[in-house]
Amino acid sequence: MAKDDKKLEKEAKKLEKKEAEKLAKKASKKSDEKLDKKVDEKKKDKKKKVKKDDAVETVKKKKEKTKKESKKDDSDKKKKAKKKKVKK
């Protein structure tokens, strides 16, 4: 009977080890998934920020271009006005 008890104890320990390993794998898998999610979220946030920054840059460039065009138009109008005065 003592031998049988020892065998049963060994088997129980083996089973406990296997269960512990399974639980550890599940836990590490879940934590890996959580980390992956966080990394993905950070990447998405970065992409959004880059897109937002690009949009801001585009708007600034358009405003600058519009200002330059309006200044050019103003200077062209002044030149035309001077030419008209000179002709008179």
N, C-alpha and C. Protein backbone atom coordinates (compact mmCIF):
# COMPACT_ATOMS: atom_id res chain seq x y z
N MET A 1 0.82 -1.20 0.00
CA MET A 1 0.00 0.00 0.00
C MET A 1 0.85 1.25 0.00
N ALA A 2 1.95 1.20 0.67
CA ALA A 2 2.82 2.38 0.72
C ALA A 2 3.33 2.71 -0.66
N LYS A 3 3.66 1.67 -1.45
CA LYS A 3 4.14 1.90 -2.81
C LYS A 3 3.05 2.54 -3.66
N ASP A 4 1.85 2.04 -3.48
CA ASP A 4 0.73 2.60 -4.24
C ASP A 4 0.50 4.07 -3.88
N ASP A 5 0.61 4.39 -2.60
CA ASP A 5 0.45 5.78 -2.14
C ASP A 5 1.51 6.67 -2.74
N LYS A 6 2.76 6.18 -2.77
CA LYS A 6 3.85 6.96 -3.34
C LYS A 6 3.64 7.20 -4.83
N LYS A 7 3.18 6.16 -5.54
CA LYS A 7 2.90 6.29 -6.97
C LYS A 7 1.80 7.32 -7.21
N LEU A 8 0.78 7.23 -6.40
CA LEU A 8 -0.34 8.17 -6.53
C LEU A 8 0.12 9.60 -6.25
N GLU A 9 0.97 9.75 -5.25
CA GLU A 9 1.50 11.09 -4.93
C GLU A 9 2.32 11.64 -6.09
N LYS A 10 3.15 10.78 -6.69
CA LYS A 10 3.97 11.20 -7.82
C LYS A 10 3.09 11.64 -8.99
N GLU A 11 2.07 10.83 -9.25
CA GLU A 11 1.15 11.15 -10.34
C GLU A 11 0.42 12.47 -10.07
N ALA A 12 0.03 12.66 -8.82
CA ALA A 12 -0.66 13.88 -8.44
C ALA A 12 0.26 15.10 -8.64
N LYS A 13 1.53 14.95 -8.26
CA LYS A 13 2.49 16.04 -8.44
C LYS A 13 2.69 16.35 -9.93
N LYS A 14 2.78 15.27 -10.74
CA LYS A 14 2.93 15.47 -12.18
C LYS A 14 1.73 16.23 -12.76
N LEU A 15 0.56 15.80 -12.33
CA LEU A 15 -0.66 16.47 -12.80
C LEU A 15 -0.70 17.93 -12.36
N GLU A 16 -0.30 18.17 -11.12
CA GLU A 16 -0.26 19.54 -10.61
C GLU A 16 0.71 20.39 -11.43
N LYS A 17 1.86 19.80 -11.75
CA LYS A 17 2.85 20.52 -12.56
C LYS A 17 2.28 20.86 -13.93
N LYS A 18 1.64 19.86 -14.54
CA LYS A 18 1.05 20.08 -15.86
C LYS A 18 -0.01 21.18 -15.82
N GLU A 19 -0.85 21.13 -14.80
CA GLU A 19 -1.89 22.14 -14.65
C GLU A 19 -1.28 23.51 -14.44
N ALA A 20 -0.25 23.56 -13.61
CA ALA A 20 0.42 24.83 -13.35
C ALA A 20 1.04 25.39 -14.64
N GLU A 21 1.64 24.49 -15.43
CA GLU A 21 2.22 24.93 -16.71
C GLU A 21 1.15 25.45 -17.66
N LYS A 22 0.02 24.74 -17.70
CA LYS A 22 -1.08 25.18 -18.56
C LYS A 22 -1.57 26.56 -18.14
N LEU A 23 -1.76 26.73 -16.84
CA LEU A 23 -2.22 28.02 -16.33
C LEU A 23 -1.20 29.12 -16.63
N ALA A 24 0.06 28.80 -16.48
CA ALA A 24 1.11 29.78 -16.75
C ALA A 24 1.11 30.17 -18.23
N LYS A 25 0.94 29.20 -19.09
CA LYS A 25 0.88 29.48 -20.53
C LYS A 25 -0.32 30.37 -20.86
N LYS A 26 -1.47 30.04 -20.26
CA LYS A 26 -2.67 30.85 -20.51
C LYS A 26 -2.44 32.29 -20.03
N ALA A 27 -1.87 32.41 -18.86
CA ALA A 27 -1.63 33.74 -18.29
C ALA A 27 -0.66 34.53 -19.16
N SER A 28 0.41 33.87 -19.60
CA SER A 28 1.39 34.58 -20.43
C SER A 28 0.77 34.93 -21.77
N LYS A 29 -0.06 34.05 -22.30
CA LYS A 29 -0.73 34.34 -23.57
C LYS A 29 -1.65 35.55 -23.43
N LYS A 30 -2.39 35.59 -22.34
CA LYS A 30 -3.28 36.73 -22.11
C LYS A 30 -2.50 38.02 -21.94
N SER A 31 -1.41 37.96 -21.20
CA SER A 31 -0.61 39.17 -21.00
C SER A 31 0.02 39.59 -22.32
N ASP A 32 0.45 38.62 -23.14
CA ASP A 32 0.99 38.94 -24.46
C ASP A 32 -0.07 39.61 -25.33
N GLU A 33 -1.28 39.09 -25.26
CA GLU A 33 -2.38 39.69 -26.04
C GLU A 33 -2.64 41.12 -25.58
N LYS A 34 -2.62 41.33 -24.27
CA LYS A 34 -2.83 42.69 -23.74
C LYS A 34 -1.73 43.62 -24.21
N LEU A 35 -0.49 43.15 -24.17
CA LEU A 35 0.63 43.96 -24.64
C LEU A 35 0.49 44.27 -26.13
N ASP A 36 0.10 43.26 -26.89
CA ASP A 36 -0.10 43.47 -28.32
C ASP A 36 -1.17 44.51 -28.59
N LYS A 37 -2.25 44.44 -27.79
CA LYS A 37 -3.32 45.43 -27.95
C LYS A 37 -2.81 46.83 -27.66
N LYS A 38 -2.05 46.96 -26.57
CA LYS A 38 -1.52 48.26 -26.21
C LYS A 38 -0.59 48.80 -27.30
N VAL A 39 0.25 47.93 -27.82
CA VAL A 39 1.16 48.34 -28.89
C VAL A 39 0.38 48.78 -30.12
N ASP A 40 -0.65 48.01 -30.46
CA ASP A 40 -1.47 48.36 -31.62
C ASP A 40 -2.16 49.71 -31.41
N GLU A 41 -2.67 49.93 -30.19
CA GLU A 41 -3.33 51.20 -29.89
C GLU A 41 -2.34 52.37 -30.01
N LYS A 42 -1.12 52.17 -29.51
CA LYS A 42 -0.12 53.23 -29.60
C LYS A 42 0.22 53.52 -31.05
N LYS A 43 0.33 52.46 -31.86
CA LYS A 43 0.61 52.66 -33.28
C LYS A 43 -0.52 53.44 -33.95
N LYS A 44 -1.76 53.08 -33.61
CA LYS A 44 -2.90 53.78 -34.19
C LYS A 44 -2.90 55.24 -33.77
N ASP A 45 -2.60 55.49 -32.49
CA ASP A 45 -2.55 56.86 -32.00
C ASP A 45 -1.48 57.65 -32.72
N LYS A 46 -0.33 57.02 -32.94
CA LYS A 46 0.75 57.69 -33.67
C LYS A 46 0.32 58.03 -35.08
N LYS A 47 -0.33 57.07 -35.74
CA LYS A 47 -0.79 57.30 -37.10
C LYS A 47 -1.80 58.45 -37.14
N LYS A 48 -2.70 58.46 -36.16
CA LYS A 48 -3.69 59.54 -36.10
C LYS A 48 -3.00 60.88 -35.90
N LYS A 49 -2.00 60.88 -35.02
CA LYS A 49 -1.28 62.11 -34.75
C LYS A 49 -0.54 62.58 -36.00
N VAL A 50 0.08 61.65 -36.69
CA VAL A 50 0.79 62.00 -37.92
C VAL A 50 -0.18 62.55 -38.95
N LYS A 51 -1.32 61.89 -39.10
CA LYS A 51 -2.33 62.36 -40.05
C LYS A 51 -2.81 63.75 -39.66
N LYS A 52 -3.02 63.95 -38.36
CA LYS A 52 -3.48 65.25 -37.88
C LYS A 52 -2.42 66.31 -38.15
N ASP A 53 -1.15 65.98 -37.87
CA ASP A 53 -0.06 66.91 -38.12
C ASP A 53 0.04 67.23 -39.61
N ASP A 54 -0.12 66.21 -40.44
CA ASP A 54 -0.09 66.42 -41.89
C ASP A 54 -1.22 67.35 -42.32
N ALA A 55 -2.38 67.14 -41.75
CA ALA A 55 -3.52 67.98 -42.08
C ALA A 55 -3.26 69.43 -41.68
N VAL A 56 -2.68 69.62 -40.51
CA VAL A 56 -2.35 70.96 -40.04
C VAL A 56 -1.34 71.62 -40.98
N GLU A 57 -0.33 70.85 -41.37
CA GLU A 57 0.69 71.36 -42.30
C GLU A 57 0.05 71.75 -43.62
N THR A 58 -0.84 70.92 -44.10
CA THR A 58 -1.51 71.20 -45.37
C THR A 58 -2.31 72.49 -45.28
N VAL A 59 -3.03 72.66 -44.21
CA VAL A 59 -3.83 73.88 -44.02
C VAL A 59 -2.91 75.10 -43.96
N LYS A 60 -1.81 74.99 -43.23
CA LYS A 60 -0.87 76.11 -43.14
C LYS A 60 -0.32 76.47 -44.51
N LYS A 61 0.06 75.46 -45.28
CA LYS A 61 0.59 75.71 -46.62
C LYS A 61 -0.45 76.38 -47.50
N LYS A 62 -1.69 75.93 -47.42
CA LYS A 62 -2.76 76.54 -48.23
C LYS A 62 -2.95 78.00 -47.84
N LYS A 63 -2.91 78.27 -46.54
CA LYS A 63 -3.08 79.66 -46.08
C LYS A 63 -1.94 80.53 -46.59
N GLU A 64 -0.70 80.00 -46.49
CA GLU A 64 0.45 80.76 -46.97
C GLU A 64 0.33 81.01 -48.48
N LYS A 65 -0.07 80.02 -49.21
CA LYS A 65 -0.22 80.14 -50.65
C LYS A 65 -1.28 81.18 -50.99
N THR A 66 -2.38 81.14 -50.24
CA THR A 66 -3.45 82.11 -50.46
C THR A 66 -2.96 83.52 -50.16
N LYS A 67 -2.20 83.67 -49.08
CA LYS A 67 -1.66 84.99 -48.73
C LYS A 67 -0.75 85.49 -49.84
N LYS A 68 0.13 84.62 -50.32
CA LYS A 68 1.05 85.00 -51.39
C LYS A 68 0.28 85.40 -52.64
N GLU A 69 -0.74 84.63 -52.97
CA GLU A 69 -1.54 84.94 -54.15
C GLU A 69 -2.25 86.28 -53.99
N SER A 70 -2.80 86.52 -52.80
CA SER A 70 -3.51 87.78 -52.59
C SER A 70 -2.54 88.96 -52.64
N LYS A 71 -1.33 88.78 -52.09
CA LYS A 71 -0.33 89.85 -52.17
C LYS A 71 0.06 90.10 -53.62
N LYS A 72 0.20 89.01 -54.38
CA LYS A 72 0.55 89.14 -55.79
C LYS A 72 -0.56 89.86 -56.55
N ASP A 73 -1.80 89.49 -56.26
CA ASP A 73 -2.93 90.15 -56.90
C ASP A 73 -2.96 91.64 -56.57
N ASP A 74 -2.70 91.95 -55.30
CA ASP A 74 -2.67 93.36 -54.87
C ASP A 74 -1.58 94.11 -55.61
N SER A 75 -0.40 93.51 -55.71
CA SER A 75 0.70 94.19 -56.39
C SER A 75 0.39 94.34 -57.88
N ASP A 76 -0.25 93.35 -58.47
CA ASP A 76 -0.64 93.45 -59.88
C ASP A 76 -1.66 94.57 -60.09
N LYS A 77 -2.59 94.71 -59.16
CA LYS A 77 -3.59 95.78 -59.25
C LYS A 77 -2.92 97.14 -59.14
N LYS A 78 -1.97 97.25 -58.23
CA LYS A 78 -1.26 98.52 -58.06
C LYS A 78 -0.48 98.86 -59.33
N LYS A 79 0.17 97.86 -59.92
CA LYS A 79 0.92 98.09 -61.16
C LYS A 79 -0.01 98.56 -62.27
N LYS A 80 -1.16 97.92 -62.39
CA LYS A 80 -2.12 98.31 -63.42
C LYS A 80 -2.61 99.73 -63.18
N ALA A 81 -2.86 100.06 -61.92
CA ALA A 81 -3.32 101.40 -61.58
C ALA A 81 -2.25 102.42 -61.94
N LYS A 82 -0.99 102.14 -61.68
CA LYS A 82 0.10 103.05 -62.03
C LYS A 82 0.19 103.23 -63.53
N LYS A 83 0.04 102.13 -64.28
CA LYS A 83 0.10 102.20 -65.74
C LYS A 83 -1.02 103.08 -66.28
N LYS A 84 -2.21 102.96 -65.67
CA LYS A 84 -3.33 103.78 -66.11
C LYS A 84 -3.06 105.24 -65.84
N LYS A 85 -2.46 105.53 -64.68
CA LYS A 85 -2.15 106.92 -64.33
C LYS A 85 -1.10 107.47 -65.28
N VAL A 86 -0.13 106.66 -65.61
CA VAL A 86 0.94 107.09 -66.51
C VAL A 86 0.38 107.36 -67.91
N LYS A 87 -0.53 106.55 -68.37
CA LYS A 87 -1.12 106.74 -69.69
C LYS A 87 -1.93 108.01 -69.75
N LYS A 88 -2.58 108.38 -68.69
CA LYS A 88 -3.43 109.58 -68.69
C LYS A 88 -2.55 110.76 -68.73
